[in-house]
Structure formats: structure tokens, C-alpha cells
Amino acid sequence: MDPATGSAPPSDSSPLPTHDEALRLAYDTHGPILLNYLMRLTMGNRSMAEDILQETLMRAWNHPEARTPDGQWSRGWLFTVARRIAIDHIRSAAGRPVEQLDERIEERHATADPIDRLLNSREVREAVARLPERLRTALIEIYFQERSVAEAAQNLSVPEGTVKSRTFYALRALHEDLVGRGFTL
């Protein structure tokens, strides 16, 4: 009843939307604009922008006092809340170390300890010294002197095929020796 006239309100006035309807309308009306705004704030991070949009709408759900008299949430209120949430997300992300995917971790090699490198090279030198002379000289010519097979064959006065086979057997014997001493290759 209207106290001034004593009559019922006109029947053409629609009732205020329910809380759920108003939230759906807020998402439909303001969601795309808010998402665009949040994409700029998060420098193109769509998943973060969508999380912030969802959190903004959840806060709108919990704060019905931010609704306008016609039952809608004010765009200014939504943008202010979204901006504050974005700032919180960006600050908290800056305080955390960068997350690495498993694939990227494998690409990052741990730097070897200089002492370990020294001990490993010493073990390899000793293993090379334990090789039979004919295998050791072929291995040294090819890998340590960085000579071609033809140059090594000429220096050792043996055929090229012999240099290849001696190098093959030297590497196999070296591998077996190092594995036998606990190296993982």
C-alpha cells in the first residue's frame, strides 16, 4: 500500500531480482569488462585474471550492501574490489619463488662441486692409466690429443681400422672400470 495514496503499487513494477539473479546478472553484465581490465592488471595472465574475477564476484555475493537500490551491484564497487584483489595476488606472487615445471627442472643442471670434479677427473686419469698400453695410446690420440683417425693411425704406425677398434675397446674397458668403482654413467 502506498501511504500517500492508500492504494496498492502499480502492477507493472517488477520485483527486485533475487540475490542469485543479481549475481548472475553481475557476471553477465560486468564479467567480460572486468576480465579485460584484470587481464591488463595481471599482464595477460588469463588464469590469474579469471581467479580474481571469481573472487570479486564471491565478495559481491557476501556483501549485498554494495548493491544499488535497484538490486544490482555497482560497477565502481566491483572494479575497486577487483583491483584490490589483483594487487594482493600480484604482491603475494612476487613474494614466492618462481614455480618451475618438472620439465624445466631437468634442463637446469646443478653445478658440480669443484672438489667432486677434481676427484672425478683424478679417477678417470687413473682408470686411463690402468688401460693396456695399446688401448691407452689410441684413446689419448683420439680424445685427448683430438686427432683424426688418420692422424692417430699415422702417429701410432697402425692401420686406421686398428685405431678405431682400439678406441672402441678402450672406451668399453674404461666404462667397465669406472662403473666397477661406483661411478654412475
N, C-alpha and C. Protein backbone atom coordinates (compact mmCIF):
# COMPACT_ATOMS: atom_id res chain seq x y z
N MET A 1 0.83 -1.18 0.00
CA MET A 1 0.00 0.00 0.00
C MET A 1 0.87 1.23 0.00
N ASP A 2 0.54 2.16 -0.82
CA ASP A 2 1.23 3.43 -0.86
C ASP A 2 0.60 4.33 0.20
N PRO A 3 1.39 4.78 1.24
CA PRO A 3 0.80 5.58 2.30
C PRO A 3 0.23 6.90 1.81
N ALA A 4 0.78 7.44 0.74
CA ALA A 4 0.30 8.74 0.27
C ALA A 4 -1.07 8.62 -0.39
N THR A 5 -1.23 7.55 -1.18
CA THR A 5 -2.49 7.42 -1.91
C THR A 5 -3.41 6.40 -1.30
N GLY A 6 -2.87 5.50 -0.49
CA GLY A 6 -3.68 4.46 0.13
C GLY A 6 -4.01 3.34 -0.82
N SER A 7 -3.34 3.29 -1.96
CA SER A 7 -3.61 2.23 -2.92
C SER A 7 -2.38 1.33 -3.07
N ALA A 8 -2.59 0.21 -3.68
CA ALA A 8 -1.50 -0.74 -3.93
C ALA A 8 -0.58 -0.19 -4.99
N PRO A 9 0.70 -0.58 -4.96
CA PRO A 9 1.61 -0.11 -6.02
C PRO A 9 1.17 -0.64 -7.37
N PRO A 10 1.54 0.06 -8.43
CA PRO A 10 1.13 -0.39 -9.75
C PRO A 10 1.65 -1.79 -10.03
N SER A 11 0.89 -2.58 -10.76
CA SER A 11 1.23 -3.98 -11.02
C SER A 11 2.34 -4.13 -12.05
N ASP A 12 2.64 -3.08 -12.79
CA ASP A 12 3.68 -3.18 -13.82
C ASP A 12 5.09 -3.07 -13.25
N SER A 13 5.27 -2.74 -11.96
CA SER A 13 6.62 -2.68 -11.39
C SER A 13 7.08 -4.09 -11.10
N SER A 14 8.27 -4.44 -11.60
CA SER A 14 8.79 -5.78 -11.41
C SER A 14 9.49 -5.88 -10.06
N PRO A 15 9.44 -7.03 -9.43
CA PRO A 15 10.09 -7.17 -8.13
C PRO A 15 11.62 -7.11 -8.29
N LEU A 16 12.30 -6.79 -7.21
CA LEU A 16 13.76 -6.76 -7.24
C LEU A 16 14.29 -8.15 -7.53
N PRO A 17 15.40 -8.24 -8.26
CA PRO A 17 15.94 -9.58 -8.54
C PRO A 17 16.43 -10.22 -7.25
N THR A 18 16.37 -11.54 -7.21
CA THR A 18 16.89 -12.26 -6.05
C THR A 18 18.41 -12.10 -6.02
N HIS A 19 18.97 -12.52 -4.91
CA HIS A 19 20.42 -12.43 -4.75
C HIS A 19 21.14 -13.20 -5.85
N ASP A 20 20.68 -14.43 -6.13
CA ASP A 20 21.29 -15.27 -7.17
C ASP A 20 21.14 -14.64 -8.56
N GLU A 21 19.95 -14.12 -8.83
CA GLU A 21 19.73 -13.48 -10.12
C GLU A 21 20.62 -12.26 -10.30
N ALA A 22 20.76 -11.49 -9.22
CA ALA A 22 21.59 -10.29 -9.29
C ALA A 22 23.05 -10.66 -9.52
N LEU A 23 23.52 -11.75 -8.89
CA LEU A 23 24.90 -12.20 -9.08
C LEU A 23 25.11 -12.67 -10.51
N ARG A 24 24.17 -13.42 -11.05
CA ARG A 24 24.26 -13.89 -12.44
C ARG A 24 24.28 -12.69 -13.39
N LEU A 25 23.43 -11.72 -13.11
CA LEU A 25 23.38 -10.51 -13.93
C LEU A 25 24.69 -9.73 -13.83
N ALA A 26 25.26 -9.69 -12.62
CA ALA A 26 26.55 -9.00 -12.44
C ALA A 26 27.62 -9.69 -13.28
N TYR A 27 27.61 -11.02 -13.30
CA TYR A 27 28.61 -11.74 -14.10
C TYR A 27 28.37 -11.51 -15.59
N ASP A 28 27.12 -11.62 -16.01
CA ASP A 28 26.82 -11.43 -17.43
C ASP A 28 27.09 -10.00 -17.89
N THR A 29 26.77 -9.04 -17.03
CA THR A 29 26.91 -7.63 -17.41
C THR A 29 28.33 -7.13 -17.26
N HIS A 30 28.94 -7.42 -16.12
CA HIS A 30 30.24 -6.84 -15.80
C HIS A 30 31.42 -7.80 -16.00
N GLY A 31 31.15 -9.10 -16.11
CA GLY A 31 32.21 -10.10 -16.21
C GLY A 31 33.20 -9.87 -17.34
N PRO A 32 32.74 -9.71 -18.59
CA PRO A 32 33.69 -9.51 -19.69
C PRO A 32 34.53 -8.24 -19.53
N ILE A 33 33.91 -7.17 -19.06
CA ILE A 33 34.64 -5.91 -18.88
C ILE A 33 35.66 -6.04 -17.75
N LEU A 34 35.23 -6.68 -16.64
CA LEU A 34 36.15 -6.90 -15.52
C LEU A 34 37.30 -7.80 -15.93
N LEU A 35 37.01 -8.86 -16.69
CA LEU A 35 38.07 -9.77 -17.13
C LEU A 35 39.08 -9.05 -18.00
N ASN A 36 38.60 -8.21 -18.91
CA ASN A 36 39.50 -7.42 -19.75
C ASN A 36 40.39 -6.52 -18.90
N TYR A 37 39.79 -5.86 -17.93
CA TYR A 37 40.53 -4.98 -17.01
C TYR A 37 41.57 -5.79 -16.22
N LEU A 38 41.15 -6.95 -15.73
CA LEU A 38 42.06 -7.78 -14.93
C LEU A 38 43.18 -8.38 -15.78
N MET A 39 42.91 -8.65 -17.04
CA MET A 39 43.97 -9.15 -17.94
C MET A 39 45.07 -8.11 -18.06
N ARG A 40 44.70 -6.84 -18.13
CA ARG A 40 45.71 -5.78 -18.20
C ARG A 40 46.47 -5.68 -16.89
N LEU A 41 45.76 -5.78 -15.77
CA LEU A 41 46.43 -5.68 -14.46
C LEU A 41 47.39 -6.84 -14.22
N THR A 42 47.05 -8.02 -14.72
CA THR A 42 47.89 -9.21 -14.49
C THR A 42 48.85 -9.46 -15.65
N MET A 43 49.01 -8.48 -16.52
CA MET A 43 49.92 -8.55 -17.66
C MET A 43 49.65 -9.78 -18.54
N GLY A 44 48.37 -10.03 -18.79
CA GLY A 44 47.98 -11.09 -19.72
C GLY A 44 47.84 -12.47 -19.11
N ASN A 45 47.97 -12.59 -17.80
CA ASN A 45 47.83 -13.90 -17.15
C ASN A 45 46.34 -14.22 -17.00
N ARG A 46 45.81 -14.95 -17.96
CA ARG A 46 44.37 -15.19 -18.00
C ARG A 46 43.89 -15.99 -16.79
N SER A 47 44.63 -17.01 -16.39
CA SER A 47 44.16 -17.82 -15.26
C SER A 47 44.10 -16.99 -13.99
N MET A 48 45.09 -16.11 -13.77
CA MET A 48 45.05 -15.26 -12.59
C MET A 48 43.88 -14.28 -12.69
N ALA A 49 43.67 -13.72 -13.88
CA ALA A 49 42.56 -12.78 -14.07
C ALA A 49 41.22 -13.45 -13.80
N GLU A 50 41.05 -14.69 -14.27
CA GLU A 50 39.79 -15.40 -14.03
C GLU A 50 39.61 -15.72 -12.55
N ASP A 51 40.70 -16.08 -11.86
CA ASP A 51 40.62 -16.33 -10.41
C ASP A 51 40.18 -15.06 -9.67
N ILE A 52 40.75 -13.94 -10.07
CA ILE A 52 40.41 -12.67 -9.41
C ILE A 52 38.96 -12.29 -9.69
N LEU A 53 38.51 -12.51 -10.92
CA LEU A 53 37.11 -12.23 -11.27
C LEU A 53 36.18 -13.08 -10.42
N GLN A 54 36.49 -14.34 -10.28
CA GLN A 54 35.65 -15.22 -9.46
C GLN A 54 35.65 -14.76 -8.00
N GLU A 55 36.81 -14.41 -7.48
CA GLU A 55 36.88 -13.94 -6.10
C GLU A 55 36.11 -12.63 -5.93
N THR A 56 36.18 -11.76 -6.92
CA THR A 56 35.43 -10.50 -6.86
C THR A 56 33.93 -10.77 -6.77
N LEU A 57 33.45 -11.68 -7.60
CA LEU A 57 32.02 -11.99 -7.59
C LEU A 57 31.61 -12.70 -6.30
N MET A 58 32.52 -13.48 -5.73
CA MET A 58 32.21 -14.12 -4.44
C MET A 58 32.11 -13.06 -3.34
N ARG A 59 32.97 -12.07 -3.41
CA ARG A 59 32.86 -10.98 -2.42
C ARG A 59 31.57 -10.19 -2.64
N ALA A 60 31.20 -10.03 -3.88
CA ALA A 60 29.93 -9.34 -4.15
C ALA A 60 28.78 -10.15 -3.54
N TRP A 61 28.86 -11.44 -3.64
CA TRP A 61 27.85 -12.32 -3.07
C TRP A 61 27.76 -12.12 -1.56
N ASN A 62 28.92 -11.96 -0.93
CA ASN A 62 28.96 -11.82 0.53
C ASN A 62 28.72 -10.40 1.02
N HIS A 63 28.64 -9.43 0.12
CA HIS A 63 28.42 -8.04 0.51
C HIS A 63 27.22 -7.44 -0.21
N PRO A 64 26.04 -7.86 0.18
CA PRO A 64 24.85 -7.33 -0.50
C PRO A 64 24.65 -5.83 -0.27
N GLU A 65 25.31 -5.28 0.73
CA GLU A 65 25.18 -3.84 0.95
C GLU A 65 25.81 -3.03 -0.18
N ALA A 66 26.61 -3.68 -1.02
CA ALA A 66 27.21 -2.98 -2.16
C ALA A 66 26.25 -2.90 -3.34
N ARG A 67 25.06 -3.45 -3.18
CA ARG A 67 24.07 -3.41 -4.27
C ARG A 67 23.43 -2.03 -4.34
N THR A 68 23.11 -1.64 -5.52
CA THR A 68 22.41 -0.38 -5.73
C THR A 68 20.95 -0.55 -5.33
N PRO A 69 20.19 0.54 -5.20
CA PRO A 69 18.78 0.43 -4.81
C PRO A 69 17.95 -0.46 -5.74
N ASP A 70 18.36 -0.59 -6.99
CA ASP A 70 17.58 -1.44 -7.89
C ASP A 70 18.01 -2.91 -7.83
N GLY A 71 18.91 -3.26 -6.89
CA GLY A 71 19.29 -4.65 -6.67
C GLY A 71 20.54 -5.10 -7.40
N GLN A 72 21.17 -4.26 -8.16
CA GLN A 72 22.38 -4.62 -8.90
C GLN A 72 23.62 -4.16 -8.13
N TRP A 73 24.74 -4.82 -8.40
CA TRP A 73 25.98 -4.36 -7.79
C TRP A 73 26.54 -3.22 -8.61
N SER A 74 27.11 -2.29 -7.91
CA SER A 74 27.64 -1.13 -8.62
C SER A 74 28.95 -1.51 -9.32
N ARG A 75 29.10 -1.04 -10.55
CA ARG A 75 30.30 -1.33 -11.33
C ARG A 75 31.53 -0.77 -10.63
N GLY A 76 31.42 0.41 -10.07
CA GLY A 76 32.56 1.01 -9.36
C GLY A 76 33.01 0.14 -8.20
N TRP A 77 32.05 -0.42 -7.45
CA TRP A 77 32.39 -1.29 -6.33
C TRP A 77 33.12 -2.53 -6.84
N LEU A 78 32.61 -3.15 -7.92
CA LEU A 78 33.23 -4.35 -8.48
C LEU A 78 34.66 -4.08 -8.96
N PHE A 79 34.85 -2.95 -9.65
CA PHE A 79 36.18 -2.63 -10.15
C PHE A 79 37.15 -2.35 -9.00
N THR A 80 36.68 -1.66 -7.97
CA THR A 80 37.54 -1.35 -6.82
C THR A 80 37.96 -2.63 -6.12
N VAL A 81 37.01 -3.51 -5.89
CA VAL A 81 37.32 -4.78 -5.23
C VAL A 81 38.25 -5.63 -6.10
N ALA A 82 37.97 -5.68 -7.40
CA ALA A 82 38.82 -6.46 -8.31
C ALA A 82 40.25 -5.93 -8.31
N ARG A 83 40.40 -4.62 -8.33
CA ARG A 83 41.73 -4.01 -8.32
C ARG A 83 42.48 -4.37 -7.04
N ARG A 84 41.80 -4.30 -5.90
CA ARG A 84 42.44 -4.62 -4.62
C ARG A 84 42.85 -6.10 -4.55
N ILE A 85 41.98 -6.96 -5.04
CA ILE A 85 42.32 -8.39 -5.06
C ILE A 85 43.51 -8.64 -5.98
N ALA A 86 43.52 -7.97 -7.14
CA ALA A 86 44.64 -8.13 -8.08
C ALA A 86 45.95 -7.69 -7.44
N ILE A 87 45.92 -6.57 -6.73
CA ILE A 87 47.13 -6.10 -6.05
C ILE A 87 47.60 -7.14 -5.04
N ASP A 88 46.67 -7.71 -4.28
CA ASP A 88 47.03 -8.74 -3.31
C ASP A 88 47.64 -9.96 -3.99
N HIS A 89 47.04 -10.40 -5.10
CA HIS A 89 47.57 -11.56 -5.83
C HIS A 89 48.96 -11.28 -6.37
N ILE A 90 49.15 -10.11 -6.96
CA ILE A 90 50.44 -9.77 -7.56
C ILE A 90 51.51 -9.67 -6.48
N ARG A 91 51.17 -9.05 -5.36
CA ARG A 91 52.13 -8.94 -4.26
C ARG A 91 52.50 -10.30 -3.71
N SER A 92 51.51 -11.16 -3.52
CA SER A 92 51.82 -12.47 -2.95
C SER A 92 52.62 -13.32 -3.95
N ALA A 93 52.35 -13.17 -5.25
CA ALA A 93 53.11 -13.91 -6.25
C ALA A 93 54.55 -13.42 -6.30
N ALA A 94 54.77 -12.12 -6.09
CA ALA A 94 56.13 -11.58 -6.12
C ALA A 94 56.94 -12.07 -4.93
N GLY A 95 56.28 -12.39 -3.84
CA GLY A 95 56.99 -12.85 -2.65
C GLY A 95 57.34 -14.32 -2.69
N ARG A 96 56.75 -15.08 -3.62
CA ARG A 96 57.02 -16.51 -3.73
C ARG A 96 58.07 -16.75 -4.80
N PRO A 97 58.86 -17.81 -4.64
CA PRO A 97 59.80 -18.14 -5.71
C PRO A 97 59.04 -18.59 -6.95
N VAL A 98 59.66 -18.43 -8.10
CA VAL A 98 59.04 -18.81 -9.36
C VAL A 98 58.89 -20.32 -9.38
N GLU A 99 57.70 -20.77 -9.71
CA GLU A 99 57.44 -22.20 -9.78
C GLU A 99 57.98 -22.72 -11.11
N GLN A 100 58.67 -23.85 -11.04
CA GLN A 100 59.23 -24.46 -12.23
C GLN A 100 58.51 -25.77 -12.51
N LEU A 101 58.18 -26.00 -13.75
CA LEU A 101 57.60 -27.27 -14.14
C LEU A 101 58.69 -28.33 -14.10
N ASP A 102 58.30 -29.58 -13.96
CA ASP A 102 59.27 -30.66 -13.87
C ASP A 102 60.18 -30.69 -15.09
N GLU A 103 59.65 -30.41 -16.28
CA GLU A 103 60.47 -30.45 -17.48
C GLU A 103 61.59 -29.41 -17.42
N ARG A 104 61.28 -28.26 -16.89
CA ARG A 104 62.29 -27.20 -16.82
C ARG A 104 63.33 -27.50 -15.76
N ILE A 105 62.97 -28.19 -14.71
CA ILE A 105 63.93 -28.54 -13.67
C ILE A 105 64.99 -29.46 -14.25
N GLU A 106 64.56 -30.39 -15.11
CA GLU A 106 65.52 -31.32 -15.72
C GLU A 106 66.53 -30.57 -16.59
N GLU A 107 66.11 -29.46 -17.19
CA GLU A 107 67.01 -28.69 -18.05
C GLU A 107 68.06 -27.94 -17.26
N ARG A 108 67.77 -27.66 -16.01
CA ARG A 108 68.69 -26.90 -15.17
C ARG A 108 69.64 -27.86 -14.49
N HIS A 109 70.88 -27.85 -14.92
CA HIS A 109 71.87 -28.75 -14.33
C HIS A 109 72.45 -28.12 -13.08
N ALA A 110 72.58 -28.95 -12.08
CA ALA A 110 73.22 -28.48 -10.86
C ALA A 110 74.71 -28.32 -11.13
N THR A 111 75.27 -27.26 -10.63
CA THR A 111 76.70 -27.05 -10.83
C THR A 111 77.46 -28.03 -9.97
N ALA A 112 78.46 -28.62 -10.56
CA ALA A 112 79.24 -29.62 -9.85
C ALA A 112 80.16 -28.94 -8.85
N ASP A 113 80.34 -29.60 -7.75
CA ASP A 113 81.25 -29.12 -6.73
C ASP A 113 82.68 -29.24 -7.28
N PRO A 114 83.52 -28.21 -7.15
CA PRO A 114 84.89 -28.29 -7.69
C PRO A 114 85.69 -29.47 -7.11
N ILE A 115 85.45 -29.80 -5.86
CA ILE A 115 86.16 -30.93 -5.25
C ILE A 115 85.73 -32.23 -5.93
N ASP A 116 84.42 -32.38 -6.17
CA ASP A 116 83.93 -33.57 -6.85
C ASP A 116 84.50 -33.68 -8.25
N ARG A 117 84.54 -32.56 -8.95
CA ARG A 117 85.11 -32.57 -10.30
C ARG A 117 86.57 -32.99 -10.28
N LEU A 118 87.32 -32.48 -9.31
CA LEU A 118 88.73 -32.82 -9.18
C LEU A 118 88.89 -34.31 -8.90
N LEU A 119 88.10 -34.84 -7.97
CA LEU A 119 88.18 -36.26 -7.64
C LEU A 119 87.76 -37.12 -8.83
N ASN A 120 86.71 -36.71 -9.54
CA ASN A 120 86.26 -37.47 -10.70
C ASN A 120 87.32 -37.48 -11.80
N SER A 121 87.93 -36.33 -12.08
CA SER A 121 88.95 -36.30 -13.13
C SER A 121 90.17 -37.14 -12.72
N ARG A 122 90.47 -37.13 -11.43
CA ARG A 122 91.59 -37.95 -10.93
C ARG A 122 91.28 -39.43 -11.14
N GLU A 123 90.06 -39.85 -10.82
CA GLU A 123 89.65 -41.24 -11.01
C GLU A 123 89.71 -41.63 -12.49
N VAL A 124 89.26 -40.74 -13.36
CA VAL A 124 89.28 -41.03 -14.79
C VAL A 124 90.72 -41.16 -15.27
N ARG A 125 91.59 -40.25 -14.84
CA ARG A 125 93.01 -40.35 -15.24
C ARG A 125 93.62 -41.67 -14.77
N GLU A 126 93.30 -42.07 -13.54
CA GLU A 126 93.84 -43.34 -13.03
C GLU A 126 93.28 -44.52 -13.81
N ALA A 127 92.01 -44.46 -14.19
CA ALA A 127 91.40 -45.54 -14.97
C ALA A 127 92.04 -45.61 -16.36
N VAL A 128 92.33 -44.47 -16.95
CA VAL A 128 93.00 -44.45 -18.26
C VAL A 128 94.40 -45.04 -18.11
N ALA A 129 95.08 -44.72 -17.03
CA ALA A 129 96.44 -45.24 -16.81
C ALA A 129 96.43 -46.76 -16.62
N ARG A 130 95.33 -47.32 -16.13
CA ARG A 130 95.25 -48.76 -15.92
C ARG A 130 94.96 -49.53 -17.22
N LEU A 131 94.61 -48.82 -18.29
CA LEU A 131 94.34 -49.48 -19.57
C LEU A 131 95.63 -50.06 -20.13
N PRO A 132 95.51 -51.14 -20.91
CA PRO A 132 96.71 -51.65 -21.60
C PRO A 132 97.27 -50.57 -22.53
N GLU A 133 98.57 -50.57 -22.71
CA GLU A 133 99.27 -49.54 -23.49
C GLU A 133 98.67 -49.32 -24.87
N ARG A 134 98.37 -50.39 -25.61
CA ARG A 134 97.86 -50.25 -26.98
C ARG A 134 96.50 -49.54 -26.99
N LEU A 135 95.65 -49.82 -25.99
CA LEU A 135 94.34 -49.17 -25.91
C LEU A 135 94.47 -47.72 -25.43
N ARG A 136 95.32 -47.53 -24.43
CA ARG A 136 95.51 -46.20 -23.85
C ARG A 136 96.05 -45.22 -24.89
N THR A 137 97.04 -45.61 -25.67
CA THR A 137 97.62 -44.68 -26.66
C THR A 137 96.61 -44.29 -27.73
N ALA A 138 95.78 -45.25 -28.16
CA ALA A 138 94.76 -44.93 -29.17
C ALA A 138 93.74 -43.95 -28.58
N LEU A 139 93.33 -44.19 -27.34
CA LEU A 139 92.36 -43.32 -26.68
C LEU A 139 92.92 -41.91 -26.50
N ILE A 140 94.16 -41.81 -26.09
CA ILE A 140 94.78 -40.50 -25.89
C ILE A 140 94.90 -39.75 -27.20
N GLU A 141 95.29 -40.44 -28.25
CA GLU A 141 95.42 -39.80 -29.56
C GLU A 141 94.09 -39.22 -30.04
N ILE A 142 93.02 -39.99 -29.91
CA ILE A 142 91.71 -39.57 -30.44
C ILE A 142 91.04 -38.55 -29.54
N TYR A 143 90.96 -38.82 -28.22
CA TYR A 143 90.16 -37.96 -27.33
C TYR A 143 90.94 -36.86 -26.64
N PHE A 144 92.15 -37.12 -26.25
CA PHE A 144 92.90 -36.10 -25.52
C PHE A 144 93.73 -35.22 -26.44
N GLN A 145 94.28 -35.80 -27.49
CA GLN A 145 95.05 -35.02 -28.46
C GLN A 145 94.16 -34.49 -29.59
N GLU A 146 92.91 -34.97 -29.63
CA GLU A 146 91.89 -34.55 -30.61
C GLU A 146 92.38 -34.70 -32.05
N ARG A 147 92.97 -35.84 -32.31
CA ARG A 147 93.44 -36.13 -33.66
C ARG A 147 92.40 -36.95 -34.41
N SER A 148 92.44 -36.84 -35.72
CA SER A 148 91.55 -37.66 -36.54
C SER A 148 92.06 -39.10 -36.52
N VAL A 149 91.23 -40.02 -37.00
CA VAL A 149 91.62 -41.42 -37.04
C VAL A 149 92.85 -41.58 -37.94
N ALA A 150 92.87 -40.86 -39.06
CA ALA A 150 94.01 -40.96 -39.98
C ALA A 150 95.29 -40.45 -39.31
N GLU A 151 95.21 -39.33 -38.61
CA GLU A 151 96.39 -38.78 -37.92
C GLU A 151 96.87 -39.71 -36.81
N ALA A 152 95.93 -40.26 -36.06
CA ALA A 152 96.30 -41.19 -34.98
C ALA A 152 96.96 -42.44 -35.56
N ALA A 153 96.40 -42.94 -36.66
CA ALA A 153 96.98 -44.14 -37.30
C ALA A 153 98.40 -43.86 -37.75
N GLN A 154 98.63 -42.69 -38.32
CA GLN A 154 99.97 -42.34 -38.78
C GLN A 154 100.92 -42.21 -37.58
N ASN A 155 100.52 -41.55 -36.50
CA ASN A 155 101.37 -41.39 -35.32
C ASN A 155 101.66 -42.72 -34.63
N LEU A 156 100.70 -43.66 -34.65
CA LEU A 156 100.88 -44.94 -33.97
C LEU A 156 101.44 -46.01 -34.90
N SER A 157 101.55 -45.69 -36.18
CA SER A 157 102.05 -46.62 -37.20
C SER A 157 101.21 -47.89 -37.27
N VAL A 158 99.88 -47.70 -37.27
CA VAL A 158 98.95 -48.83 -37.39
C VAL A 158 97.87 -48.43 -38.38
N PRO A 159 97.13 -49.38 -38.93
CA PRO A 159 96.06 -49.05 -39.86
C PRO A 159 94.92 -48.29 -39.15
N GLU A 160 94.14 -47.55 -39.91
CA GLU A 160 93.03 -46.77 -39.35
C GLU A 160 92.01 -47.66 -38.67
N GLY A 161 91.71 -48.80 -39.23
CA GLY A 161 90.76 -49.74 -38.63
C GLY A 161 91.23 -50.19 -37.25
N THR A 162 92.52 -50.35 -37.09
CA THR A 162 93.07 -50.75 -35.79
C THR A 162 92.86 -49.64 -34.76
N VAL A 163 93.05 -48.39 -35.18
CA VAL A 163 92.82 -47.26 -34.27
C VAL A 163 91.37 -47.23 -33.84
N LYS A 164 90.44 -47.46 -34.78
CA LYS A 164 89.02 -47.47 -34.45
C LYS A 164 88.69 -48.57 -33.45
N SER A 165 89.17 -49.78 -33.71
CA SER A 165 88.84 -50.88 -32.81
C SER A 165 89.49 -50.71 -31.45
N ARG A 166 90.74 -50.22 -31.41
CA ARG A 166 91.39 -49.99 -30.11
C ARG A 166 90.66 -48.90 -29.31
N THR A 167 90.22 -47.89 -30.01
CA THR A 167 89.47 -46.82 -29.33
C THR A 167 88.17 -47.37 -28.78
N PHE A 168 87.48 -48.19 -29.55
CA PHE A 168 86.23 -48.79 -29.09
C PHE A 168 86.46 -49.63 -27.84
N TYR A 169 87.46 -50.52 -27.88
CA TYR A 169 87.73 -51.38 -26.73
C TYR A 169 88.26 -50.59 -25.53
N ALA A 170 88.98 -49.52 -25.79
CA ALA A 170 89.48 -48.68 -24.69
C ALA A 170 88.31 -48.01 -23.98
N LEU A 171 87.36 -47.49 -24.73
CA LEU A 171 86.19 -46.85 -24.11
C LEU A 171 85.36 -47.86 -23.32
N ARG A 172 85.20 -49.06 -23.87
CA ARG A 172 84.44 -50.09 -23.17
C ARG A 172 85.15 -50.49 -21.87
N ALA A 173 86.46 -50.68 -21.92
CA ALA A 173 87.21 -51.06 -20.72
C ALA A 173 87.19 -49.93 -19.70
N LEU A 174 87.29 -48.70 -20.15
CA LEU A 174 87.23 -47.53 -19.26
C LEU A 174 85.88 -47.46 -18.57
N HIS A 175 84.82 -47.67 -19.32
CA HIS A 175 83.47 -47.67 -18.77
C HIS A 175 83.32 -48.74 -17.70
N GLU A 176 83.74 -49.95 -18.01
CA GLU A 176 83.63 -51.05 -17.04
C GLU A 176 84.43 -50.77 -15.78
N ASP A 177 85.61 -50.20 -15.93
CA ASP A 177 86.45 -49.88 -14.77
C ASP A 177 85.78 -48.85 -13.88
N LEU A 178 85.26 -47.78 -14.48
CA LEU A 178 84.63 -46.72 -13.70
C LEU A 178 83.34 -47.18 -13.02
N VAL A 179 82.53 -47.95 -13.73
CA VAL A 179 81.30 -48.47 -13.15
C VAL A 179 81.66 -49.41 -11.99
N GLY A 180 82.70 -50.21 -12.16
CA GLY A 180 83.15 -51.10 -11.10
C GLY A 180 83.61 -50.37 -9.87
N ARG A 181 84.02 -49.12 -10.02
CA ARG A 181 84.45 -48.31 -8.90
C ARG A 181 83.32 -47.42 -8.33
N GLY A 182 82.10 -47.64 -8.81
CA GLY A 182 80.96 -46.94 -8.25
C GLY A 182 80.50 -45.70 -8.98
N PHE A 183 81.06 -45.41 -10.13
CA PHE A 183 80.60 -44.26 -10.91
C PHE A 183 79.32 -44.65 -11.62
N THR A 184 78.41 -43.71 -11.71
CA THR A 184 77.19 -43.92 -12.48
C THR A 184 77.32 -43.09 -13.76
N LEU A 185 77.30 -43.77 -14.88
CA LEU A 185 77.49 -43.10 -16.16
C LEU A 185 76.22 -43.09 -16.96
